[in-house]
Amino acid sequence: MGLVLTVTAGLAIWIVLWAIGAKGFDAFMLATVIILAGATVKILTRYLPGRRGGR
């Protein structure tokens, strides 16, 4: 669920920045960084101590 919210927030930021005059590619790159950070956190939480299973 957290990854879905991260992707949604990243895309919303992309649209808002693009609408206020930022270059489309620059806004897209910022959204991509946010989405990749969320995916990285999601993947790394599996390897934290105290986590059981693959959920």
Protein backbone atom coordinates (compact mmCIF):
# COMPACT_ATOMS: atom_id res chain seq x y z
CA MET A 1 0.00 0.00 0.00
CA GLY A 2 2.87 2.35 0.79
CA LEU A 3 4.35 1.91 -2.67
CA VAL A 4 1.03 2.80 -4.30
CA LEU A 5 0.86 5.99 -2.26
CA THR A 6 4.45 6.84 -3.15
CA VAL A 7 3.79 6.40 -6.86
CA THR A 8 0.62 8.48 -6.61
CA ALA A 9 2.44 11.26 -4.75
CA GLY A 10 5.31 11.21 -7.24
CA LEU A 11 2.99 11.51 -10.21
CA ALA A 12 0.97 14.26 -8.50
CA ILE A 13 4.18 16.21 -7.88
CA TRP A 14 5.12 15.74 -11.53
CA ILE A 15 1.79 17.14 -12.72
CA VAL A 16 1.86 20.08 -10.29
CA LEU A 17 5.42 21.06 -11.19
CA TRP A 18 4.69 20.76 -14.87
CA ALA A 19 1.57 22.91 -14.46
CA ILE A 20 3.42 25.72 -12.68
CA GLY A 21 6.00 26.03 -15.41
CA ALA A 22 8.82 23.59 -14.65
CA LYS A 23 10.22 21.67 -17.58
CA GLY A 24 8.36 18.41 -18.10
CA PHE A 25 11.50 16.29 -18.10
CA ASP A 26 12.85 17.86 -14.89
CA ALA A 27 9.54 17.29 -13.11
CA PHE A 28 9.47 13.71 -14.41
CA MET A 29 12.99 13.06 -13.11
CA LEU A 30 12.00 14.31 -9.64
CA ALA A 31 8.95 12.04 -9.67
CA THR A 32 11.17 9.13 -10.77
CA VAL A 33 13.56 9.74 -7.87
CA ILE A 34 10.66 9.75 -5.40
CA ILE A 35 9.23 6.52 -6.84
CA LEU A 36 12.63 4.80 -6.84
CA ALA A 37 13.22 5.85 -3.23
CA GLY A 38 9.87 4.35 -2.24
CA ALA A 39 10.60 1.12 -4.09
CA THR A 40 14.03 0.91 -2.47
CA VAL A 41 12.55 1.32 1.00
CA LYS A 42 9.92 -1.33 0.21
CA ILE A 43 12.57 -3.81 -0.91
CA LEU A 44 14.95 -3.09 1.98
CA THR A 45 12.28 -3.53 4.68
CA ARG A 46 12.33 -7.27 3.98
CA TYR A 47 15.90 -7.47 5.22
CA LEU A 48 15.45 -5.55 8.47
CA PRO A 49 15.94 -7.51 11.70
CA GLY A 50 12.73 -8.75 13.27
CA ARG A 51 10.84 -9.23 10.02
CA ARG A 52 9.47 -12.71 9.41
CA GLY A 53 8.24 -14.02 6.10
CA GLY A 54 8.34 -12.33 2.75
CA ARG A 55 5.47 -9.93 3.28
